[in-house]
Amino acid sequence: MTTDGQGNDLDLGKADNVRYYLFSSFPHGAATGLGICQQQQNPLAPNQVLRALLLDLDDWASMGRDPPGNRVPRLADKTLAPALPQSGMGFPNIPGVVYNGIHHTGDLLDFGPRFDDGILTVLPPVVSTPYEVYIPKTDRDGNDIAGIRTPDVAVPIATYTGWALRAETDPQDADGCDASGQRLPFAATKTARLAVGDPRLSLQERYKDHATYLSLVTAAAQRLEHERLLLDQDVQAYIAAAEAAAVP
């Protein structure tokens, strides 16, 4: 949605009355449990950030206060990448998790030189190669690098994806499950992760104690509040959840 059909970044600044945001590592629709998917579904929901953005929108419309700037992956800063090869996209090789790089595409259609004026001079259109599609590049944990990274993603205890594969059909068939995303927990200890060959650091290796984890979540939530992407009530909710979590 932020590149053209030839695979170039769109000039998002041309529309100064529009903002673009990616909710990093979020699914199309939050869910829990396996459902019909191969892995646990992604429970991340956008409510907290949307509350802040709604007030930002109100301030923009009623007082002329600019909202937070665009937060989307871009080719220019190498946070967008082709889905394949997997190594270039950044998603790790997690034991038991299938990554096939399949995604939705579309063909380039040429309706003639006056298409931008709403006039179709070539019918049926000339069909050419599929347009270039890119996906958000991930960090070494498999979480999106660009966008609005909530504390769940900035201080993770799991890998969260916006895509998924079905369990009871061919792994190539993502229809009906892809929108649920995945939640792929980190191992609790280094010994446990090495036993299965998981390249992602365990909770034990990431957070030396509970206070460290709590401090990092607090800082991530407060940073988003400073950027006007979280309200104080939601900052406090994130902190309370971190206090109650058994991490590491």
Protein backbone atom coordinates (compact mmCIF):
# COMPACT_ATOMS: atom_id res chain seq x y z
CA MET A 1 0.00 0.00 0.00
CA THR A 2 2.99 2.33 0.20
CA THR A 3 4.72 1.36 -3.05
CA ASP A 4 3.68 1.64 -6.69
CA GLY A 5 3.22 -1.15 -9.21
CA GLN A 6 6.83 -0.98 -10.34
CA GLY A 7 8.15 -1.45 -6.82
CA ASN A 8 9.06 2.11 -5.81
CA ASP A 9 8.27 3.96 -2.60
CA LEU A 10 5.29 6.26 -2.99
CA ASP A 11 5.80 9.91 -2.03
CA LEU A 12 3.64 9.84 1.09
CA GLY A 13 4.38 13.50 1.78
CA LYS A 14 2.37 14.62 -1.27
CA ALA A 15 -0.83 14.36 0.79
CA ASP A 16 -0.05 16.43 3.86
CA ASN A 17 -3.53 15.83 5.28
CA VAL A 18 -3.00 12.05 5.48
CA ARG A 19 -0.96 9.86 7.84
CA TYR A 20 0.04 6.22 7.35
CA TYR A 21 0.74 3.77 10.17
CA LEU A 22 1.68 0.11 10.35
CA PHE A 23 0.85 -1.75 13.55
CA SER A 24 4.04 -3.82 13.70
CA SER A 25 3.57 -7.60 13.74
CA PHE A 26 -0.21 -7.34 14.16
CA PRO A 27 -2.69 -9.74 12.53
CA HIS A 28 -5.71 -8.69 10.51
CA GLY A 29 -7.89 -9.94 13.36
CA ALA A 30 -6.63 -10.82 16.83
CA ALA A 31 -7.37 -14.32 18.13
CA THR A 32 -6.14 -16.91 20.59
CA GLY A 33 -5.76 -20.67 20.48
CA LEU A 34 -4.94 -22.83 17.48
CA GLY A 35 -8.22 -22.68 15.63
CA ILE A 36 -7.57 -24.21 12.21
CA CYS A 37 -3.99 -22.93 12.13
CA GLN A 38 -0.65 -24.68 12.47
CA GLN A 39 0.43 -22.38 15.30
CA GLN A 40 -1.14 -20.37 18.10
CA GLN A 41 -2.98 -17.36 16.70
CA ASN A 42 -1.77 -13.79 17.24
CA PRO A 43 -3.62 -12.06 20.12
CA LEU A 44 -2.27 -8.54 19.53
CA ALA A 45 -5.09 -6.01 19.09
CA PRO A 46 -4.73 -2.33 18.11
CA ASN A 47 -7.14 -0.85 20.66
CA GLN A 48 -4.55 0.91 22.81
CA VAL A 49 -2.84 2.73 19.95
CA LEU A 50 -6.14 3.49 18.21
CA ARG A 51 -7.36 5.29 21.34
CA ALA A 52 -4.37 7.60 21.20
CA LEU A 53 -4.66 8.10 17.44
CA LEU A 54 -8.33 9.02 17.80
CA LEU A 55 -7.39 11.88 20.12
CA ASP A 56 -4.56 12.83 17.75
CA LEU A 57 -7.11 12.99 14.93
CA ASP A 58 -9.42 15.14 17.05
CA ASP A 59 -6.58 17.54 17.89
CA TRP A 60 -5.62 17.70 14.20
CA ALA A 61 -9.14 18.49 13.04
CA SER A 62 -10.16 20.84 15.84
CA MET A 63 -6.91 22.59 16.79
CA GLY A 64 -4.58 22.08 13.83
CA ARG A 65 -2.06 20.14 15.90
CA ASP A 66 -0.15 17.81 13.62
CA PRO A 67 -0.47 14.11 14.48
CA PRO A 68 2.52 11.77 14.76
CA GLY A 69 4.40 11.31 11.51
CA ASN A 70 4.08 8.34 9.19
CA ARG A 71 5.26 5.04 10.65
CA VAL A 72 5.51 2.53 7.82
CA PRO A 73 8.21 0.33 6.29
CA ARG A 74 10.00 1.79 3.28
CA LEU A 75 12.30 0.49 0.57
CA ALA A 76 14.54 3.51 1.08
CA ASP A 77 15.46 2.51 4.63
CA LYS A 78 15.45 -1.21 3.86
CA THR A 79 12.50 -2.03 6.12
CA LEU A 80 10.51 -3.41 3.17
CA ALA A 81 11.75 -6.53 1.40
CA PRO A 82 10.59 -9.23 -1.03
CA ALA A 83 9.01 -12.21 0.70
CA LEU A 84 11.72 -14.45 -0.76
CA PRO A 85 14.41 -15.36 -0.08
CA GLN A 86 13.62 -15.82 3.58
CA SER A 87 17.13 -14.77 4.56
CA GLY A 88 16.67 -11.41 2.84
CA MET A 89 13.32 -10.80 4.52
CA GLY A 90 14.87 -11.57 7.90
CA PHE A 91 12.44 -14.13 9.32
CA PRO A 92 14.36 -16.73 11.37
CA ASN A 93 14.24 -20.49 10.88
CA ILE A 94 12.05 -21.43 13.84
CA PRO A 95 11.68 -25.16 14.49
CA GLY A 96 8.24 -26.42 13.49
CA VAL A 97 7.26 -23.20 11.72
CA VAL A 98 6.71 -23.24 7.94
CA TYR A 99 7.77 -20.16 5.99
CA ASN A 100 6.94 -20.45 2.29
CA GLY A 101 6.95 -16.80 1.25
CA ILE A 102 3.61 -17.10 -0.58
CA HIS A 103 1.60 -13.87 -0.67
CA HIS A 104 -1.19 -12.26 -2.65
CA THR A 105 -0.20 -10.64 -5.96
CA GLY A 106 -1.87 -8.91 -8.87
CA ASP A 107 -1.19 -8.23 -12.53
CA LEU A 108 -0.30 -4.86 -14.01
CA LEU A 109 -3.19 -3.74 -16.24
CA ASP A 110 -2.66 -1.13 -18.97
CA PHE A 111 -5.94 0.66 -19.80
CA GLY A 112 -4.23 3.24 -21.99
CA PRO A 113 -2.58 6.66 -21.61
CA ARG A 114 -5.73 8.46 -20.37
CA PHE A 115 -6.40 6.13 -17.44
CA ASP A 116 -5.43 8.79 -14.90
CA ASP A 117 -8.19 10.97 -16.37
CA GLY A 118 -10.73 8.22 -15.87
CA ILE A 119 -10.87 7.36 -19.57
CA LEU A 120 -10.23 3.78 -20.68
CA THR A 121 -8.84 3.67 -24.21
CA VAL A 122 -7.52 0.09 -24.17
CA LEU A 123 -10.20 -2.55 -23.57
CA PRO A 124 -9.62 -5.25 -22.64
CA PRO A 125 -6.48 -3.97 -20.91
CA VAL A 126 -3.01 -5.23 -21.70
CA VAL A 127 -1.97 -7.63 -18.96
CA SER A 128 1.70 -7.70 -18.01
CA THR A 129 3.82 -9.20 -15.25
CA PRO A 130 2.62 -9.21 -11.64
CA TYR A 131 3.34 -5.98 -9.82
CA GLU A 132 6.12 -5.88 -7.26
CA VAL A 133 4.96 -6.70 -3.74
CA TYR A 134 7.03 -6.23 -0.61
CA ILE A 135 6.47 -7.13 3.01
CA PRO A 136 7.76 -5.64 6.28
CA LYS A 137 11.27 -6.81 7.02
CA THR A 138 11.71 -8.46 10.41
CA ASP A 139 14.35 -8.46 13.10
CA ARG A 140 16.17 -11.62 14.12
CA ASP A 141 13.19 -12.63 16.26
CA GLY A 142 10.78 -12.41 13.31
CA ASN A 143 9.02 -9.25 14.51
CA ASP A 144 8.47 -6.30 12.18
CA ILE A 145 11.18 -3.64 12.36
CA ALA A 146 9.21 -0.65 11.11
CA GLY A 147 5.89 0.80 12.21
CA ILE A 148 4.39 1.31 15.64
CA ARG A 149 6.03 -1.30 17.87
CA THR A 150 3.91 -1.74 20.97
CA PRO A 151 5.64 -3.02 24.14
CA ASP A 152 4.60 -6.56 23.15
CA VAL A 153 6.82 -6.23 20.07
CA ALA A 154 9.50 -3.87 21.38
CA VAL A 155 10.10 -6.01 24.49
CA PRO A 156 8.91 -9.38 23.21
CA ILE A 157 8.28 -12.73 24.83
CA ALA A 158 7.32 -14.25 21.47
CA THR A 159 7.45 -13.78 17.72
CA TYR A 160 4.24 -12.28 16.32
CA THR A 161 3.30 -12.47 12.64
CA GLY A 162 0.47 -11.14 10.53
CA TRP A 163 0.38 -14.34 8.46
CA ALA A 164 -0.34 -17.99 9.23
CA LEU A 165 -0.90 -21.37 7.60
CA ARG A 166 -3.72 -23.86 8.04
CA ALA A 167 -3.14 -27.06 9.98
CA GLU A 168 -5.47 -29.59 8.35
CA THR A 169 -4.67 -28.87 4.71
CA ASP A 170 -1.62 -28.54 2.53
CA PRO A 171 0.85 -26.07 4.14
CA GLN A 172 0.78 -24.10 0.88
CA ASP A 173 -2.89 -23.26 1.47
CA ALA A 174 -3.19 -20.26 3.77
CA ASP A 175 -6.79 -19.40 2.90
CA GLY A 176 -8.97 -18.99 5.96
CA CYS A 177 -6.10 -18.79 8.45
CA ASP A 178 -3.67 -16.19 7.15
CA ALA A 179 -5.50 -13.25 8.75
CA SER A 180 -5.16 -14.75 12.25
CA GLY A 181 -1.38 -14.43 12.39
CA GLN A 182 0.85 -16.41 14.73
CA ARG A 183 2.21 -16.20 18.26
CA LEU A 184 5.45 -18.20 18.56
CA PRO A 185 6.69 -18.09 22.18
CA PHE A 186 10.36 -17.94 23.06
CA ALA A 187 11.85 -20.81 25.02
CA ALA A 188 12.08 -20.24 28.76
CA THR A 189 15.75 -21.18 29.05
CA LYS A 190 18.86 -21.40 26.92
CA THR A 191 18.99 -25.15 27.46
CA ALA A 192 15.42 -25.55 26.20
CA ARG A 193 15.99 -23.52 23.05
CA LEU A 194 19.25 -25.26 22.18
CA ALA A 195 17.57 -28.62 22.60
CA VAL A 196 15.20 -27.83 19.71
CA GLY A 197 17.57 -25.65 17.69
CA ASP A 198 15.66 -22.38 18.13
CA PRO A 199 17.86 -19.45 16.99
CA ARG A 200 15.84 -16.91 19.03
CA LEU A 201 17.20 -16.04 22.46
CA SER A 202 15.30 -17.50 25.39
CA LEU A 203 13.56 -15.42 28.06
CA GLN A 204 16.39 -16.32 30.42
CA GLU A 205 18.97 -14.90 28.01
CA ARG A 206 17.01 -11.74 27.23
CA TYR A 207 15.95 -10.64 30.67
CA LYS A 208 18.34 -11.34 33.53
CA ASP A 209 15.57 -10.81 36.07
CA HIS A 210 11.97 -9.64 36.36
CA ALA A 211 13.02 -6.09 37.22
CA THR A 212 14.91 -5.84 33.92
CA TYR A 213 11.88 -6.96 31.94
CA LEU A 214 9.59 -4.57 33.81
CA SER A 215 11.98 -1.68 33.28
CA LEU A 216 12.18 -2.30 29.53
CA VAL A 217 8.40 -2.58 29.12
CA THR A 218 7.93 0.62 31.14
CA ALA A 219 10.42 2.50 28.98
CA ALA A 220 8.83 1.23 25.74
CA ALA A 221 5.32 2.23 26.86
CA GLN A 222 6.42 5.65 28.08
CA ARG A 223 8.27 6.27 24.82
CA LEU A 224 5.06 5.67 22.85
CA GLU A 225 3.19 7.99 25.20
CA HIS A 226 5.80 10.69 24.54
CA GLU A 227 5.25 10.14 20.82
CA ARG A 228 1.45 10.50 21.36
CA LEU A 229 0.82 6.89 20.38
CA LEU A 230 -0.37 5.69 23.79
CA LEU A 231 -2.52 7.24 26.50
CA ASP A 232 -1.38 7.20 30.13
CA GLN A 233 -4.12 4.74 31.12
CA ASP A 234 -2.80 2.26 28.57
CA VAL A 235 0.80 2.87 29.62
CA GLN A 236 -0.19 1.93 33.15
CA ALA A 237 -2.03 -1.16 31.87
CA TYR A 238 1.08 -2.35 30.02
CA ILE A 239 3.18 -1.81 33.13
CA ALA A 240 0.68 -3.69 35.31
CA ALA A 241 0.64 -6.61 32.88
CA ALA A 242 4.45 -6.71 32.89
CA GLU A 243 4.49 -6.67 36.69
CA ALA A 244 2.18 -9.69 36.75
CA ALA A 245 4.03 -11.63 34.04
CA ALA A 246 6.26 -14.57 34.92
CA VAL A 247 9.19 -13.27 32.90
CA PRO A 248 11.85 -14.54 32.79
